[in-house]
Amino acid sequence: MLRSLSNEGTGPARKELCKTVHGQAGCATPAPFWGSGGLGAPMAPNHLSVREMREDEKPLVLEMLKAGVKDTENRVTLHALTRPPALLLLAAASSGLRFVLASFALALLLPVFLAVAAVKLGLRARWGSLPPPGGLGGPWVAVRGSGDVCGVLALAPGANVGDGARVTRLSVSRWHRRRGVGRRLLAFAESRARAWAGSMGEPRARLVVPVAVAAWGVAGLLEACGYQAEGGWGCMGYTLVREFSKDL
């Protein structure tokens, strides 16, 4: 899950505004609620639609995903490499290289450079590409009334029965953030997850959204819409990606 939603804004009024718009603390319609400012006023619901991506839109969507990864990879890398076990491994690697390299500076910097490159390449491979179409269809794009693609969403079924659906990609163009696009895609994801659970006879409709640990704005948005953190995954005992879920 990219940091592309983290600029949507935060604030204590979000839950109340959700309730005002939806009648409950959910995000089922496209009315934007995360405040003004930033890159412009929120789009009206009838000016923003979600549909399946066309083949000719694939290059644009890939660039959007890559831009979203770049927005978050530095923070995730910094978080990962400043954990005590990572620092210990980097120090050990530097000490070992001092016996084979003539330059102390090179021995010190080479492990850091390689570690940073490995983390960034891993994030780009995981989130910077389009997944194959799954049982929930897609990938999906958010489109303005003028036809401009401004966001992308991909969904996949959970690994086990009862796991519900998972968001595997969600990114918003940097030129359309703080305008309700991310929340519109999230509302669409919830609608698709409900429909898929009903058609598959799933015991419950559920949506899981992974969020990079550095994307605090996204976490606040999800919590305001009724999602709860329930673990995640990482490295060496430290969480890099948290997972938020909601029963629909």
C-alpha atoms as a PDB file:
ATOM      1  CA  MET A   1       0.000   0.000   0.000  1.00  0.00           C
ATOM      2  CA  LEU A   2       1.565   3.268  -1.082  1.00  0.00           C
ATOM      3  CA  ARG A   3       1.893   6.601   0.673  1.00  0.00           C
ATOM      4  CA  SER A   4      -0.196   8.199  -2.075  1.00  0.00           C
ATOM      5  CA  LEU A   5      -3.164   8.600   0.261  1.00  0.00           C
ATOM      6  CA  SER A   6      -1.200  10.096   3.114  1.00  0.00           C
ATOM      7  CA  ASN A   7      -1.623  13.629   1.842  1.00  0.00           C
ATOM      8  CA  GLU A   8      -5.403  13.367   2.021  1.00  0.00           C
ATOM      9  CA  GLY A   9      -5.325  15.100   5.396  1.00  0.00           C
ATOM     10  CA  THR A  10      -6.143  14.199   8.969  1.00  0.00           C
ATOM     11  CA  GLY A  11      -8.265  15.666  11.738  1.00  0.00           C
ATOM     12  CA  PRO A  12     -10.638  14.745  14.552  1.00  0.00           C
ATOM     13  CA  ALA A  13     -13.671  15.900  12.573  1.00  0.00           C
ATOM     14  CA  ARG A  14     -13.219  13.108  10.032  1.00  0.00           C
ATOM     15  CA  LYS A  15     -15.319  10.507  11.861  1.00  0.00           C
ATOM     16  CA  GLU A  16     -18.175  12.922  12.436  1.00  0.00           C
ATOM     17  CA  LEU A  17     -18.100  13.964   8.807  1.00  0.00           C
ATOM     18  CA  CYS A  18     -18.128  10.299   7.759  1.00  0.00           C
ATOM     19  CA  LYS A  19     -21.221   9.801   9.921  1.00  0.00           C
ATOM     20  CA  THR A  20     -22.868  12.899   8.500  1.00  0.00           C
ATOM     21  CA  VAL A  21     -22.327  11.767   4.931  1.00  0.00           C
ATOM     22  CA  HIS A  22     -23.042   8.049   5.351  1.00  0.00           C
ATOM     23  CA  GLY A  23     -25.183   7.741   8.449  1.00  0.00           C
ATOM     24  CA  GLN A  24     -22.449   5.586   9.969  1.00  0.00           C
ATOM     25  CA  ALA A  25     -18.676   5.548  10.412  1.00  0.00           C
ATOM     26  CA  GLY A  26     -18.069   4.126   6.958  1.00  0.00           C
ATOM     27  CA  CYS A  27     -16.913   5.217   3.544  1.00  0.00           C
ATOM     28  CA  ALA A  28     -19.561   4.014   1.151  1.00  0.00           C
ATOM     29  CA  THR A  29     -20.076   7.006  -1.127  1.00  0.00           C
ATOM     30  CA  PRO A  30     -17.680   9.268  -2.936  1.00  0.00           C
ATOM     31  CA  ALA A  31     -18.371  12.486  -0.995  1.00  0.00           C
ATOM     32  CA  PRO A  32     -14.907  13.685   0.034  1.00  0.00           C
ATOM     33  CA  PHE A  33     -14.269  14.478   3.664  1.00  0.00           C
ATOM     34  CA  TRP A  34     -10.623  15.078   4.419  1.00  0.00           C
ATOM     35  CA  GLY A  35     -10.620  18.815   4.316  1.00  0.00           C
ATOM     36  CA  SER A  36      -9.605  21.568   1.997  1.00  0.00           C
ATOM     37  CA  GLY A  37      -6.311  22.987   0.888  1.00  0.00           C
ATOM     38  CA  GLY A  38      -3.466  21.168  -0.790  1.00  0.00           C
ATOM     39  CA  LEU A  39      -3.882  20.659  -4.495  1.00  0.00           C
ATOM     40  CA  GLY A  40      -7.419  21.939  -4.890  1.00  0.00           C
ATOM     41  CA  ALA A  41     -11.028  21.529  -3.915  1.00  0.00           C
ATOM     42  CA  PRO A  42     -12.610  18.044  -3.680  1.00  0.00           C
ATOM     43  CA  MET A  43     -14.227  16.770  -6.851  1.00  0.00           C
ATOM     44  CA  ALA A  44     -17.992  16.423  -7.025  1.00  0.00           C
ATOM     45  CA  PRO A  45     -19.114  12.760  -6.993  1.00  0.00           C
ATOM     46  CA  ASN A  46     -20.552  13.002 -10.528  1.00  0.00           C
ATOM     47  CA  HIS A  47     -17.171  14.218 -11.815  1.00  0.00           C
ATOM     48  CA  LEU A  48     -15.326  11.103 -10.630  1.00  0.00           C
ATOM     49  CA  SER A  49     -15.998   7.517 -11.664  1.00  0.00           C
ATOM     50  CA  VAL A  50     -14.249   4.150 -11.297  1.00  0.00           C
ATOM     51  CA  ARG A  51     -13.965   1.612 -14.103  1.00  0.00           C
ATOM     52  CA  GLU A  52     -11.666  -1.171 -15.271  1.00  0.00           C
ATOM     53  CA  MET A  53      -8.335  -0.085 -16.709  1.00  0.00           C
ATOM     54  CA  ARG A  54      -8.027  -0.104 -20.488  1.00  0.00           C
ATOM     55  CA  GLU A  55      -4.927  -1.574 -22.104  1.00  0.00           C
ATOM     56  CA  ASP A  56      -3.855   1.780 -23.533  1.00  0.00           C
ATOM     57  CA  GLU A  57      -3.862   3.241 -20.002  1.00  0.00           C
ATOM     58  CA  LYS A  58      -1.375   0.717 -18.658  1.00  0.00           C
ATOM     59  CA  PRO A  59       1.788   2.855 -19.162  1.00  0.00           C
ATOM     60  CA  LEU A  60       0.182   5.808 -17.355  1.00  0.00           C
ATOM     61  CA  VAL A  61      -0.991   3.595 -14.494  1.00  0.00           C
ATOM     62  CA  LEU A  62       2.467   2.034 -14.115  1.00  0.00           C
ATOM     63  CA  GLU A  63       4.046   5.486 -13.875  1.00  0.00           C
ATOM     64  CA  MET A  64       1.489   6.407 -11.224  1.00  0.00           C
ATOM     65  CA  LEU A  65       2.350   3.312  -9.183  1.00  0.00           C
ATOM     66  CA  LYS A  66       6.080   3.959  -9.469  1.00  0.00           C
ATOM     67  CA  ALA A  67       5.617   7.569  -8.374  1.00  0.00           C
ATOM     68  CA  GLY A  68       3.623   6.378  -5.376  1.00  0.00           C
ATOM     69  CA  VAL A  69       6.391   3.977  -4.364  1.00  0.00           C
ATOM     70  CA  LYS A  70       8.988   6.749  -4.608  1.00  0.00           C
ATOM     71  CA  ASP A  71       6.887   8.848  -2.231  1.00  0.00           C
ATOM     72  CA  THR A  72       7.179   6.261   0.519  1.00  0.00           C
ATOM     73  CA  GLU A  73      10.320   4.195  -0.106  1.00  0.00           C
ATOM     74  CA  ASN A  74      12.711   6.660   1.561  1.00  0.00           C
ATOM     75  CA  ARG A  75      10.718   6.712   4.790  1.00  0.00           C
ATOM     76  CA  VAL A  76      10.305   2.950   4.873  1.00  0.00           C
ATOM     77  CA  THR A  77      14.017   2.465   4.146  1.00  0.00           C
ATOM     78  CA  LEU A  78      15.011   4.871   6.902  1.00  0.00           C
ATOM     79  CA  HIS A  79      12.683   3.140   9.341  1.00  0.00           C
ATOM     80  CA  ALA A  80      14.000  -0.322   8.417  1.00  0.00           C
ATOM     81  CA  LEU A  81      17.703   0.490   8.502  1.00  0.00           C
ATOM     82  CA  THR A  82      17.642   2.410  11.772  1.00  0.00           C
ATOM     83  CA  ARG A  83      16.281  -0.538  13.781  1.00  0.00           C
ATOM     84  CA  PRO A  84      18.908  -1.922  16.214  1.00  0.00           C
ATOM     85  CA  PRO A  85      19.324  -5.328  14.488  1.00  0.00           C
ATOM     86  CA  ALA A  86      19.845  -3.641  11.117  1.00  0.00           C
ATOM     87  CA  LEU A  87      22.402  -1.230  12.570  1.00  0.00           C
ATOM     88  CA  LEU A  88      24.228  -4.167  14.167  1.00  0.00           C
ATOM     89  CA  LEU A  89      24.349  -6.056  10.861  1.00  0.00           C
ATOM     90  CA  LEU A  90      25.598  -2.983   8.999  1.00  0.00           C
ATOM     91  CA  ALA A  91      28.320  -2.441  11.577  1.00  0.00           C
ATOM     92  CA  ALA A  92      29.396  -6.082  11.350  1.00  0.00           C
ATOM     93  CA  ALA A  93      29.491  -5.924   7.559  1.00  0.00           C
ATOM     94  CA  SER A  94      31.560  -2.742   7.642  1.00  0.00           C
ATOM     95  CA  SER A  95      34.031  -4.297  10.086  1.00  0.00           C
ATOM     96  CA  GLY A  96      34.448  -7.333   7.857  1.00  0.00           C
ATOM     97  CA  LEU A  97      34.970  -5.242   4.725  1.00  0.00           C
ATOM     98  CA  ARG A  98      37.768  -3.279   6.379  1.00  0.00           C
ATOM     99  CA  PHE A  99      39.952  -6.380   6.093  1.00  0.00           C
ATOM    100  CA  VAL A 100      39.476  -6.650   2.321  1.00  0.00           C
ATOM    101  CA  LEU A 101      39.080  -3.023   1.249  1.00  0.00           C
ATOM    102  CA  ALA A 102      41.814  -0.442   1.444  1.00  0.00           C
ATOM    103  CA  SER A 103      39.374   2.425   2.000  1.00  0.00           C
ATOM    104  CA  PHE A 104      37.763   2.847   5.410  1.00  0.00           C
ATOM    105  CA  ALA A 105      35.073   5.127   3.937  1.00  0.00           C
ATOM    106  CA  LEU A 106      34.199   2.551   1.280  1.00  0.00           C
ATOM    107  CA  ALA A 107      33.962  -0.205   3.877  1.00  0.00           C
ATOM    108  CA  LEU A 108      31.630   1.996   5.908  1.00  0.00           C
ATOM    109  CA  LEU A 109      29.382   3.162   3.081  1.00  0.00           C
ATOM    110  CA  LEU A 110      29.172   0.083   0.856  1.00  0.00           C
ATOM    111  CA  PRO A 111      26.943  -2.002   3.198  1.00  0.00           C
ATOM    112  CA  VAL A 112      24.621   0.975   3.692  1.00  0.00           C
ATOM    113  CA  PHE A 113      24.367   1.571  -0.047  1.00  0.00           C
ATOM    114  CA  LEU A 114      23.627  -2.104  -0.751  1.00  0.00           C
ATOM    115  CA  ALA A 115      21.033  -2.291   2.029  1.00  0.00           C
ATOM    116  CA  VAL A 116      19.242   0.839   0.818  1.00  0.00           C
ATOM    117  CA  ALA A 117      19.228  -0.469  -2.759  1.00  0.00           C
ATOM    118  CA  ALA A 118      17.876  -3.856  -1.651  1.00  0.00           C
ATOM    119  CA  VAL A 119      14.988  -2.337   0.336  1.00  0.00           C
ATOM    120  CA  LYS A 120      14.037   0.084  -2.439  1.00  0.00           C
ATOM    121  CA  LEU A 121      14.181  -2.577  -5.146  1.00  0.00           C
ATOM    122  CA  GLY A 122      12.050  -4.862  -2.999  1.00  0.00           C
ATOM    123  CA  LEU A 123       9.406  -2.164  -2.499  1.00  0.00           C
ATOM    124  CA  ARG A 124       9.362  -1.306  -6.196  1.00  0.00           C
ATOM    125  CA  ALA A 125       9.014  -4.957  -7.175  1.00  0.00           C
ATOM    126  CA  ARG A 126       6.171  -5.446  -4.691  1.00  0.00           C
ATOM    127  CA  TRP A 127       4.172  -2.263  -5.270  1.00  0.00           C
ATOM    128  CA  GLY A 128       5.533  -0.633  -8.412  1.00  0.00           C
ATOM    129  CA  SER A 129       4.002  -3.061 -10.888  1.00  0.00           C
ATOM    130  CA  LEU A 130       0.524  -4.170 -11.840  1.00  0.00           C
ATOM    131  CA  PRO A 131      -0.657  -7.534 -10.478  1.00  0.00           C
ATOM    132  CA  PRO A 132      -2.460  -9.947 -12.817  1.00  0.00           C
ATOM    133  CA  PRO A 133      -6.266  -9.726 -12.839  1.00  0.00           C
ATOM    134  CA  GLY A 134      -7.743 -11.689  -9.948  1.00  0.00           C
ATOM    135  CA  GLY A 135     -11.119 -13.022  -8.919  1.00  0.00           C
ATOM    136  CA  LEU A 136     -12.330  -9.509  -8.127  1.00  0.00           C
ATOM    137  CA  GLY A 137     -11.578  -8.116 -11.582  1.00  0.00           C
ATOM    138  CA  GLY A 138      -9.578  -5.007 -12.322  1.00  0.00           C
ATOM    139  CA  PRO A 139      -7.195  -3.299 -12.064  1.00  0.00           C
ATOM    140  CA  TRP A 140      -9.512  -0.336 -11.650  1.00  0.00           C
ATOM    141  CA  VAL A 141      -8.886   3.328 -12.357  1.00  0.00           C
ATOM    142  CA  ALA A 142     -10.494   6.495 -11.037  1.00  0.00           C
ATOM    143  CA  VAL A 143     -11.367   8.816 -13.913  1.00  0.00           C
ATOM    144  CA  ARG A 144     -12.372  12.464 -13.887  1.00  0.00           C
ATOM    145  CA  GLY A 145     -15.255  13.683 -15.993  1.00  0.00           C
ATOM    146  CA  SER A 146     -12.741  14.974 -18.516  1.00  0.00           C
ATOM    147  CA  GLY A 147     -11.330  11.449 -18.938  1.00  0.00           C
ATOM    148  CA  ASP A 148      -8.109  11.970 -16.958  1.00  0.00           C
ATOM    149  CA  VAL A 149      -6.967   8.893 -15.019  1.00  0.00           C
ATOM    150  CA  CYS A 150      -6.192  10.072 -11.487  1.00  0.00           C
ATOM    151  CA  GLY A 151      -5.987   6.899  -9.390  1.00  0.00           C
ATOM    152  CA  VAL A 152      -5.542   3.132  -9.554  1.00  0.00           C
ATOM    153  CA  LEU A 153      -6.827   0.228  -7.454  1.00  0.00           C
ATOM    154  CA  ALA A 154      -6.203  -3.520  -7.547  1.00  0.00           C
ATOM    155  CA  LEU A 155      -7.892  -6.164  -5.409  1.00  0.00           C
ATOM    156  CA  ALA A 156      -7.297  -9.849  -4.734  1.00  0.00           C
ATOM    157  CA  PRO A 157      -9.024 -12.554  -2.682  1.00  0.00           C
ATOM    158  CA  GLY A 158      -7.533 -13.445   0.687  1.00  0.00           C
ATOM    159  CA  ALA A 159      -5.364 -16.522   1.022  1.00  0.00           C
ATOM    160  CA  ASN A 160      -7.922 -18.487   3.074  1.00  0.00           C
ATOM    161  CA  VAL A 161     -11.691 -18.815   3.238  1.00  0.00           C
ATOM    162  CA  GLY A 162     -13.053 -16.045   5.428  1.00  0.00           C
ATOM    163  CA  ASP A 163     -10.097 -13.729   4.830  1.00  0.00           C
ATOM    164  CA  GLY A 164     -12.174 -11.534   2.547  1.00  0.00           C
ATOM    165  CA  ALA A 165     -10.599  -9.302  -0.092  1.00  0.00           C
ATOM    166  CA  ARG A 166      -7.293  -7.455  -0.016  1.00  0.00           C
ATOM    167  CA  VAL A 167      -6.188  -4.181  -1.561  1.00  0.00           C
ATOM    168  CA  THR A 168      -2.966  -5.004  -3.420  1.00  0.00           C
ATOM    169  CA  ARG A 169      -2.460  -1.625  -5.121  1.00  0.00           C
ATOM    170  CA  LEU A 170      -3.880   1.796  -4.365  1.00  0.00           C
ATOM    171  CA  SER A 171      -2.263   4.956  -5.657  1.00  0.00           C
ATOM    172  CA  VAL A 172      -3.427   8.469  -6.486  1.00  0.00           C
ATOM    173  CA  SER A 173      -1.742  10.818  -8.933  1.00  0.00           C
ATOM    174  CA  ARG A 174       0.181  13.515  -7.082  1.00  0.00           C
ATOM    175  CA  TRP A 175      -1.790  16.144  -9.045  1.00  0.00           C
ATOM    176  CA  HIS A 176      -5.132  14.872  -7.725  1.00  0.00           C
ATOM    177  CA  ARG A 177      -4.456  14.297  -4.042  1.00  0.00           C
ATOM    178  CA  ARG A 178      -6.622  15.874  -1.340  1.00  0.00           C
ATOM    179  CA  ARG A 179      -9.509  15.848  -3.772  1.00  0.00           C
ATOM    180  CA  GLY A 180     -11.409  12.734  -2.694  1.00  0.00           C
ATOM    181  CA  VAL A 181      -9.895  10.308  -5.198  1.00  0.00           C
ATOM    182  CA  GLY A 182      -8.344   7.996  -2.622  1.00  0.00           C
ATOM    183  CA  ARG A 183     -11.512   7.791  -0.596  1.00  0.00           C
ATOM    184  CA  ARG A 184     -13.575   7.137  -3.715  1.00  0.00           C
ATOM    185  CA  LEU A 185     -11.325   4.210  -4.593  1.00  0.00           C
ATOM    186  CA  LEU A 186     -11.578   2.888  -1.039  1.00  0.00           C
ATOM    187  CA  ALA A 187     -15.387   3.090  -1.194  1.00  0.00           C
ATOM    188  CA  PHE A 188     -15.329   1.223  -4.508  1.00  0.00           C
ATOM    189  CA  ALA A 189     -13.062  -1.448  -3.009  1.00  0.00           C
ATOM    190  CA  GLU A 190     -15.522  -1.973  -0.174  1.00  0.00           C
ATOM    191  CA  SER A 191     -18.402  -2.306  -2.636  1.00  0.00           C
ATOM    192  CA  ARG A 192     -16.500  -4.859  -4.734  1.00  0.00           C
ATOM    193  CA  ALA A 193     -15.504  -6.816  -1.634  1.00  0.00           C
ATOM    194  CA  ARG A 194     -19.149  -7.050  -0.529  1.00  0.00           C
ATOM    195  CA  ALA A 195     -20.326  -8.193  -3.950  1.00  0.00           C
ATOM    196  CA  TRP A 196     -17.530 -10.755  -4.269  1.00  0.00           C
ATOM    197  CA  ALA A 197     -18.163 -12.190  -0.787  1.00  0.00           C
ATOM    198  CA  GLY A 198     -21.859 -12.606  -1.611  1.00  0.00           C
ATOM    199  CA  SER A 199     -21.192 -14.306  -4.937  1.00  0.00           C
ATOM    200  CA  MET A 200     -18.610 -16.688  -3.441  1.00  0.00           C
ATOM    201  CA  GLY A 201     -20.669 -17.600  -0.390  1.00  0.00           C
ATOM    202  CA  GLU A 202     -18.013 -16.206   1.938  1.00  0.00           C
ATOM    203  CA  PRO A 203     -18.997 -16.278   5.626  1.00  0.00           C
ATOM    204  CA  ARG A 204     -18.360 -12.538   5.895  1.00  0.00           C
ATOM    205  CA  ALA A 205     -17.509  -9.555   3.729  1.00  0.00           C
ATOM    206  CA  ARG A 206     -14.168  -8.131   4.766  1.00  0.00           C
ATOM    207  CA  LEU A 207     -11.543  -5.822   3.295  1.00  0.00           C
ATOM    208  CA  VAL A 208      -7.864  -5.742   4.284  1.00  0.00           C
ATOM    209  CA  VAL A 209      -5.680  -2.748   3.412  1.00  0.00           C
ATOM    210  CA  PRO A 210      -1.875  -2.896   3.900  1.00  0.00           C
ATOM    211  CA  VAL A 211      -0.245   0.426   4.813  1.00  0.00           C
ATOM    212  CA  ALA A 212       3.454   1.286   4.902  1.00  0.00           C
ATOM    213  CA  VAL A 213       4.582   2.101   8.430  1.00  0.00           C
ATOM    214  CA  ALA A 214       5.573   5.639   7.407  1.00  0.00           C
ATOM    215  CA  ALA A 215       2.163   6.533   5.942  1.00  0.00           C
ATOM    216  CA  TRP A 216       0.511   7.968   9.042  1.00  0.00           C
ATOM    217  CA  GLY A 217      -2.081   9.918   7.056  1.00  0.00           C
ATOM    218  CA  VAL A 218      -3.402   6.749   5.421  1.00  0.00           C
ATOM    219  CA  ALA A 219      -3.627   5.007   8.793  1.00  0.00           C
ATOM    220  CA  GLY A 220      -5.647   7.897  10.203  1.00  0.00           C
ATOM    221  CA  LEU A 221      -7.970   7.844   7.210  1.00  0.00           C
ATOM    222  CA  LEU A 222      -8.630   4.114   7.561  1.00  0.00           C
ATOM    223  CA  GLU A 223      -9.204   4.298  11.312  1.00  0.00           C
ATOM    224  CA  ALA A 224     -11.705   7.109  10.771  1.00  0.00           C
ATOM    225  CA  CYS A 225     -13.580   4.884   8.320  1.00  0.00           C
ATOM    226  CA  GLY A 226     -13.871   2.012  10.791  1.00  0.00           C
ATOM    227  CA  TYR A 227     -10.755  -0.016   9.973  1.00  0.00           C
ATOM    228  CA  GLN A 228      -8.690  -1.592  12.731  1.00  0.00           C
ATOM    229  CA  ALA A 229      -4.993  -2.451  12.719  1.00  0.00           C
ATOM    230  CA  GLU A 230      -4.381  -6.181  13.023  1.00  0.00           C
ATOM    231  CA  GLY A 231      -0.713  -6.952  12.625  1.00  0.00           C
ATOM    232  CA  GLY A 232       1.393  -6.749   9.501  1.00  0.00           C
ATOM    233  CA  TRP A 233       4.740  -7.900   8.185  1.00  0.00           C
ATOM    234  CA  GLY A 234       8.314  -6.719   8.335  1.00  0.00           C
ATOM    235  CA  CYS A 235      11.860  -7.844   8.952  1.00  0.00           C
ATOM    236  CA  MET A 236      13.908  -8.876  12.001  1.00  0.00           C
ATOM    237  CA  GLY A 237      10.916  -8.500  14.269  1.00  0.00           C
ATOM    238  CA  TYR A 238      10.090  -4.935  13.210  1.00  0.00           C
ATOM    239  CA  THR A 239       6.921  -4.026  11.336  1.00  0.00           C
ATOM    240  CA  LEU A 240       7.328  -2.318   7.972  1.00  0.00           C
ATOM    241  CA  VAL A 241       3.750  -2.711   6.728  1.00  0.00           C
ATOM    242  CA  ARG A 242       0.671  -2.672   8.940  1.00  0.00           C
ATOM    243  CA  GLU A 243      -2.582  -4.295   7.886  1.00  0.00           C
ATOM    244  CA  PHE A 244      -5.953  -2.672   8.547  1.00  0.00           C
ATOM    245  CA  SER A 245      -9.194  -4.612   8.186  1.00  0.00           C
ATOM    246  CA  LYS A 246     -12.898  -3.904   8.303  1.00  0.00           C
ATOM    247  CA  ASP A 247     -15.965  -6.162   8.329  1.00  0.00           C
ATOM    248  CA  LEU A 248     -18.326  -4.763   5.724  1.00  0.00           C
END
